[in-house]
Amino acid sequence: MLDVRRLRLLRELAHLGTIAAVADALAFSPSAVSQQLSVLEREAGVPLLERTGRRVALTPAGRNLVRHTEAVLELLERADAELAHARSGLAGPLRIGAYPSAVRALVPAALAELAARHPELEAMVSEVDPAAVAAALRAGELDLALVHEYDLVPAEPAEGIALTGPVFAEPMYLAARSAGTLADHQHSPWITAPPGTLCHELTERACQAAGFSPRVRHRVDDFAAQLALVAAGQGVALVPHLGTGHCPPNVTLTRLPIYRRTRTAFRAGAAAHPAVAAFAAALHTAVPAELRAA
């Protein structure tokens, strides 16, 4: 019989690419991961990995086994959800991931609502960039997370991860010292999030759609800091609605026909878990009506 814990290691290797990354994600030593994968190969009776120098890759049999592993883990999530429904009341930890502006603007009210409805449920929030959510969910570090995408930068699907429909949508704004269009700022310095983030990619694509590539001067992963830099005459930036709460008086926000949409992410099979549903209901209460209707 194949061991589910070892199958999970193989699945993570398929997603993360290296044994070192798997060890880091699941809090193992690299040697322990290698040993457990060797045991899994013996259990399977066929080679699952092929080694090329210092790297390993999955064989066709290994890739097929990962495909079946995804289905097995989804069924286990569904079983856990059914068991949770059979218990009386919600209790225990609920690990929630969220991006910074949601943590500041929405999550506190959602947690207060959740605590009022389910006082025995222990919600624990971690600030997580959406790009890191899938790995954190698969590793069991999170039970659910808020992730966002943009009209010009849709979210990439991730194996083993399910998403709800958009929970709310925020308009995007051009933040500058005076009103104008994107094209008006093709020669201006720009303030963006660091490369590798969806927010940075949005700025690049929005400017390219307007006919130019942005000349980036500052890379700052905090919208309040971006607005402060705009106020100091250091450039212009694209900021979502939730990031405009502390806009300096000398900064003008020009609404753009672009939206940032937030979804809830969780492991495939966990959609029916009552704790996931409870947080979704509490979040719905915390979201301003104008964003739910957008």
Protein backbone atom coordinates (compact mmCIF):
# COMPACT_ATOMS: atom_id res chain seq x y z
CA MET A 1 0.00 0.00 0.00
CA LEU A 2 1.35 3.40 -0.96
CA ASP A 3 1.85 5.83 1.92
CA VAL A 4 -0.08 9.09 1.56
CA ARG A 5 2.61 11.11 3.32
CA ARG A 6 5.22 9.93 0.84
CA LEU A 7 2.85 10.58 -2.05
CA ARG A 8 2.53 14.15 -0.79
CA LEU A 9 6.31 14.53 -0.99
CA LEU A 10 6.29 13.32 -4.60
CA ARG A 11 3.46 15.74 -5.41
CA GLU A 12 5.42 18.64 -3.92
CA LEU A 13 8.51 17.64 -5.88
CA ALA A 14 6.42 17.81 -9.06
CA HIS A 15 5.31 21.35 -8.16
CA LEU A 16 8.47 22.78 -6.60
CA GLY A 17 11.10 21.13 -8.75
CA THR A 18 13.86 20.33 -6.25
CA ILE A 19 14.25 18.18 -3.16
CA ALA A 20 15.66 21.19 -1.29
CA ALA A 21 12.51 23.20 -2.02
CA VAL A 22 10.30 20.31 -0.87
CA ALA A 23 12.30 19.99 2.34
CA ASP A 24 12.00 23.71 3.00
CA ALA A 25 8.25 23.78 2.29
CA LEU A 26 7.42 20.79 4.49
CA ALA A 27 9.98 21.31 7.26
CA PHE A 28 12.03 18.19 6.47
CA SER A 29 15.73 17.80 5.89
CA PRO A 30 16.70 17.16 2.25
CA SER A 31 18.12 13.77 3.20
CA ALA A 32 14.83 12.78 4.87
CA VAL A 33 12.90 13.75 1.73
CA SER A 34 15.28 11.69 -0.43
CA GLN A 35 14.97 8.70 1.87
CA GLN A 36 11.17 8.83 1.90
CA LEU A 37 11.03 9.11 -1.89
CA SER A 38 13.34 6.10 -2.18
CA VAL A 39 10.95 4.14 0.06
CA LEU A 40 8.04 5.25 -2.12
CA GLU A 41 9.85 3.96 -5.22
CA ARG A 42 10.29 0.59 -3.56
CA GLU A 43 6.60 0.53 -2.61
CA ALA A 44 5.63 1.43 -6.19
CA GLY A 45 7.94 -1.17 -7.72
CA VAL A 46 8.89 1.11 -10.63
CA PRO A 47 11.28 4.08 -10.97
CA LEU A 48 9.51 7.34 -10.10
CA LEU A 49 12.52 9.64 -10.36
CA GLU A 50 15.42 9.97 -12.74
CA ARG A 51 18.55 11.72 -11.59
CA THR A 52 20.56 13.98 -13.86
CA GLY A 53 23.58 15.29 -11.99
CA ARG A 54 22.37 17.01 -8.84
CA ARG A 55 18.78 17.35 -10.02
CA VAL A 56 15.90 14.89 -10.16
CA ALA A 57 12.95 14.71 -12.51
CA LEU A 58 9.81 12.61 -12.46
CA THR A 59 9.56 9.66 -14.79
CA PRO A 60 6.31 9.12 -16.74
CA ALA A 61 5.25 6.68 -14.00
CA GLY A 62 6.03 9.33 -11.39
CA ARG A 63 3.95 11.95 -13.21
CA ASN A 64 1.03 9.53 -13.48
CA LEU A 65 1.29 8.77 -9.77
CA VAL A 66 1.20 12.50 -8.97
CA ARG A 67 -2.00 12.80 -11.02
CA HIS A 68 -3.60 10.07 -8.92
CA THR A 69 -2.21 11.64 -5.76
CA GLU A 70 -4.03 14.89 -6.50
CA ALA A 71 -7.30 12.93 -6.72
CA VAL A 72 -6.57 11.04 -3.48
CA LEU A 73 -5.77 14.20 -1.54
CA GLU A 74 -8.91 15.90 -2.84
CA LEU A 75 -11.00 12.94 -1.61
CA LEU A 76 -9.33 13.15 1.79
CA GLU A 77 -10.21 16.87 1.99
CA ARG A 78 -13.83 16.03 1.18
CA ALA A 79 -13.84 13.34 3.87
CA ASP A 80 -12.46 15.81 6.40
CA ALA A 81 -15.19 18.30 5.45
CA GLU A 82 -17.88 15.66 6.00
CA LEU A 83 -16.45 14.78 9.40
CA ALA A 84 -16.38 18.44 10.37
CA HIS A 85 -20.09 18.69 9.56
CA ALA A 86 -20.76 15.73 11.87
CA ARG A 87 -19.12 17.46 14.85
CA SER A 88 -21.12 19.77 17.09
CA GLY A 89 -19.94 23.33 16.57
CA LEU A 90 -16.79 24.72 14.99
CA ALA A 91 -13.65 24.69 17.11
CA GLY A 92 -9.89 24.61 16.78
CA PRO A 93 -7.43 26.51 14.59
CA LEU A 94 -8.28 28.05 11.21
CA ARG A 95 -5.16 29.29 9.43
CA ILE A 96 -5.94 32.15 7.06
CA GLY A 97 -3.61 33.78 4.57
CA ALA A 98 -4.24 37.23 3.12
CA TYR A 99 -2.40 39.92 1.18
CA PRO A 100 -1.42 43.10 3.09
CA SER A 101 -4.15 45.54 2.03
CA ALA A 102 -6.86 42.98 2.79
CA VAL A 103 -5.29 42.29 6.20
CA ARG A 104 -5.46 45.99 7.00
CA ALA A 105 -8.81 46.93 5.49
CA LEU A 106 -11.10 43.88 5.69
CA VAL A 107 -9.75 40.98 7.71
CA PRO A 108 -10.14 42.54 11.20
CA ALA A 109 -13.88 43.08 10.68
CA ALA A 110 -14.24 39.58 9.20
CA LEU A 111 -12.46 38.06 12.21
CA ALA A 112 -14.71 39.96 14.63
CA GLU A 113 -17.77 38.64 12.82
CA LEU A 114 -16.33 35.12 12.77
CA ALA A 115 -15.58 35.23 16.51
CA ALA A 116 -19.13 36.40 17.29
CA ARG A 117 -20.64 33.50 15.35
CA HIS A 118 -18.11 30.79 16.25
CA PRO A 119 -16.27 31.70 19.46
CA GLU A 120 -14.49 28.33 19.68
CA LEU A 121 -12.91 28.72 16.24
CA GLU A 122 -9.37 30.04 16.59
CA ALA A 123 -8.59 32.11 13.51
CA MET A 124 -4.90 32.77 12.86
CA VAL A 125 -3.93 35.19 10.09
CA SER A 126 -0.66 35.25 8.15
CA GLU A 127 0.27 37.91 5.63
CA VAL A 128 1.06 36.03 2.41
CA ASP A 129 1.71 37.21 -1.13
CA PRO A 130 -0.75 35.53 -3.52
CA ALA A 131 2.17 34.01 -5.43
CA ALA A 132 3.09 31.95 -2.35
CA VAL A 133 -0.43 30.80 -1.44
CA ALA A 134 -0.61 27.57 -3.44
CA ALA A 135 2.57 26.16 -1.88
CA ALA A 136 1.44 27.19 1.62
CA LEU A 137 -1.94 25.52 1.17
CA ARG A 138 -0.45 22.31 -0.20
CA ALA A 139 2.06 22.22 2.65
CA GLY A 140 -0.74 22.55 5.20
CA GLU A 141 0.55 25.89 6.50
CA LEU A 142 -2.77 27.52 5.58
CA ASP A 143 -6.36 26.27 5.46
CA LEU A 144 -7.60 29.02 3.15
CA ALA A 145 -6.34 32.31 1.75
CA LEU A 146 -7.44 35.46 0.01
CA VAL A 147 -5.80 35.86 -3.39
CA HIS A 148 -6.23 38.51 -6.03
CA GLU A 149 -5.96 38.86 -9.76
CA TYR A 150 -6.30 41.76 -12.18
CA ASP A 151 -8.26 42.18 -15.37
CA LEU A 152 -4.97 42.31 -17.28
CA VAL A 153 -3.23 39.66 -15.14
CA PRO A 154 -5.53 36.67 -14.53
CA ALA A 155 -4.55 34.13 -11.89
CA GLU A 156 -2.78 30.99 -13.10
CA PRO A 157 -4.53 27.74 -12.07
CA ALA A 158 -2.61 25.61 -9.57
CA GLU A 159 -2.91 21.84 -9.20
CA GLY A 160 -4.60 20.79 -5.99
CA ILE A 161 -5.97 24.29 -5.30
CA ALA A 162 -9.58 25.41 -5.74
CA LEU A 163 -10.86 28.97 -6.01
CA THR A 164 -14.24 30.55 -5.36
CA GLY A 165 -15.75 33.05 -7.73
CA PRO A 166 -14.78 36.68 -7.08
CA VAL A 167 -15.71 37.72 -3.53
CA PHE A 168 -15.31 41.40 -4.31
CA ALA A 169 -13.79 43.65 -6.95
CA GLU A 170 -11.91 46.92 -6.51
CA PRO A 171 -11.35 49.65 -9.07
CA MET A 172 -7.75 50.60 -9.78
CA TYR A 173 -6.52 54.19 -9.63
CA LEU A 174 -3.69 56.13 -11.20
CA ALA A 175 -2.05 57.99 -8.31
CA ALA A 176 -0.27 61.19 -9.40
CA ARG A 177 0.18 64.80 -8.32
CA SER A 178 -2.46 65.86 -10.87
CA ALA A 179 -5.23 64.22 -12.89
CA GLY A 180 -4.32 62.54 -16.14
CA THR A 181 -4.30 59.35 -18.18
CA LEU A 182 -1.74 56.58 -18.29
CA ALA A 183 -0.46 57.88 -21.61
CA ASP A 184 0.16 61.29 -20.02
CA HIS A 185 2.80 59.64 -17.84
CA GLN A 186 4.81 57.70 -20.39
CA HIS A 187 7.86 59.84 -19.53
CA SER A 188 7.20 59.97 -15.78
CA PRO A 189 9.09 57.87 -13.24
CA TRP A 190 6.98 55.00 -11.92
CA ILE A 191 6.62 53.40 -8.50
CA THR A 192 5.75 49.70 -8.64
CA ALA A 193 5.68 46.61 -6.50
CA PRO A 194 8.79 44.37 -6.75
CA PRO A 195 9.20 42.18 -9.86
CA GLY A 196 7.57 38.76 -9.59
CA THR A 197 4.37 40.12 -8.05
CA LEU A 198 1.01 40.43 -9.80
CA CYS A 199 0.93 44.13 -8.90
CA HIS A 200 4.20 44.74 -10.74
CA GLU A 201 2.97 42.75 -13.73
CA LEU A 202 -0.23 44.81 -13.82
CA THR A 203 1.70 48.08 -14.04
CA GLU A 204 3.82 46.69 -16.86
CA ARG A 205 0.82 45.44 -18.85
CA ALA A 206 -1.36 48.51 -18.25
CA CYS A 207 1.39 50.81 -19.46
CA GLN A 208 2.12 48.60 -22.47
CA ALA A 209 -1.59 48.68 -23.35
CA ALA A 210 -1.31 52.49 -23.28
CA GLY A 211 1.60 52.32 -25.72
CA PHE A 212 4.74 52.53 -23.58
CA SER A 213 6.89 50.70 -21.07
CA PRO A 214 7.11 52.27 -17.61
CA ARG A 215 10.39 53.77 -16.46
CA VAL A 216 10.51 52.31 -12.95
CA ARG A 217 12.33 54.34 -10.31
CA HIS A 218 11.10 52.82 -7.03
CA ARG A 219 10.03 49.27 -6.16
CA VAL A 220 7.94 49.26 -2.98
CA ASP A 221 5.54 46.53 -1.87
CA ASP A 222 3.27 48.75 0.23
CA PHE A 223 0.58 50.97 -1.25
CA ALA A 224 0.71 53.54 1.58
CA ALA A 225 4.44 53.91 0.94
CA GLN A 226 3.81 54.21 -2.80
CA LEU A 227 1.31 57.02 -2.18
CA ALA A 228 3.79 58.78 0.12
CA LEU A 229 6.39 58.63 -2.65
CA VAL A 230 3.87 60.00 -5.15
CA ALA A 231 3.11 62.84 -2.71
CA ALA A 232 6.86 63.59 -2.53
CA GLY A 233 7.01 63.98 -6.32
CA GLN A 234 8.91 60.73 -6.83
CA GLY A 235 6.68 59.33 -9.55
CA VAL A 236 3.25 57.86 -10.25
CA ALA A 237 1.70 54.51 -9.32
CA LEU A 238 -1.28 52.22 -9.82
CA VAL A 239 -3.15 51.59 -6.56
CA PRO A 240 -6.26 49.48 -5.81
CA HIS A 241 -9.20 50.78 -3.80
CA LEU A 242 -8.16 49.02 -0.58
CA GLY A 243 -4.75 50.67 -0.82
CA THR A 244 -6.07 54.24 -0.90
CA GLY A 245 -7.18 54.52 2.72
CA HIS A 246 -4.38 56.93 3.70
CA CYS A 247 -4.02 58.95 0.53
CA PRO A 248 -2.07 62.21 1.05
CA PRO A 249 -4.06 65.37 0.23
CA ASN A 250 -1.74 66.40 -2.61
CA VAL A 251 -2.21 63.10 -4.49
CA THR A 252 -4.92 62.82 -7.13
CA LEU A 253 -6.57 59.45 -7.75
CA THR A 254 -7.88 58.92 -11.28
CA ARG A 255 -10.12 55.88 -11.62
CA LEU A 256 -9.17 53.44 -14.36
CA PRO A 257 -11.31 50.82 -16.19
CA ILE A 258 -9.32 48.05 -14.48
CA TYR A 259 -10.34 45.94 -11.50
CA ARG A 260 -8.53 43.86 -8.92
CA ARG A 261 -10.66 40.84 -8.02
CA THR A 262 -10.29 38.82 -4.82
CA ARG A 263 -11.11 35.12 -4.50
CA THR A 264 -10.83 32.62 -1.68
CA ALA A 265 -8.36 29.77 -2.27
CA PHE A 266 -8.27 26.42 -0.46
CA ARG A 267 -7.18 22.86 -1.06
CA ALA A 268 -9.26 21.03 -3.66
CA GLY A 269 -12.05 19.15 -1.90
CA ALA A 270 -12.31 21.60 1.02
CA ALA A 271 -15.07 23.79 -0.44
CA ALA A 272 -17.72 22.15 1.75
CA HIS A 273 -15.72 22.41 4.98
CA PRO A 274 -17.87 24.36 7.49
CA ALA A 275 -14.92 26.45 8.72
CA VAL A 276 -14.18 27.58 5.16
CA ALA A 277 -17.85 28.43 4.66
CA ALA A 278 -17.95 30.27 8.00
CA PHE A 279 -15.03 32.51 7.08
CA ALA A 280 -16.53 33.18 3.65
CA ALA A 281 -19.77 34.31 5.29
CA ALA A 282 -17.91 36.55 7.75
CA LEU A 283 -15.83 38.07 4.95
CA HIS A 284 -18.97 38.80 2.93
CA THR A 285 -20.30 40.80 5.86
CA ALA A 286 -17.05 42.79 6.12
CA VAL A 287 -16.86 43.75 2.42
CA PRO A 288 -18.43 47.16 1.66
CA ALA A 289 -21.53 46.91 -0.47
CA GLU A 290 -20.05 49.02 -3.26
CA LEU A 291 -17.22 46.52 -3.73
CA ARG A 292 -19.53 43.49 -3.69
CA ALA A 293 -21.61 45.12 -6.42
CA ALA A 294 -18.63 46.07 -8.60
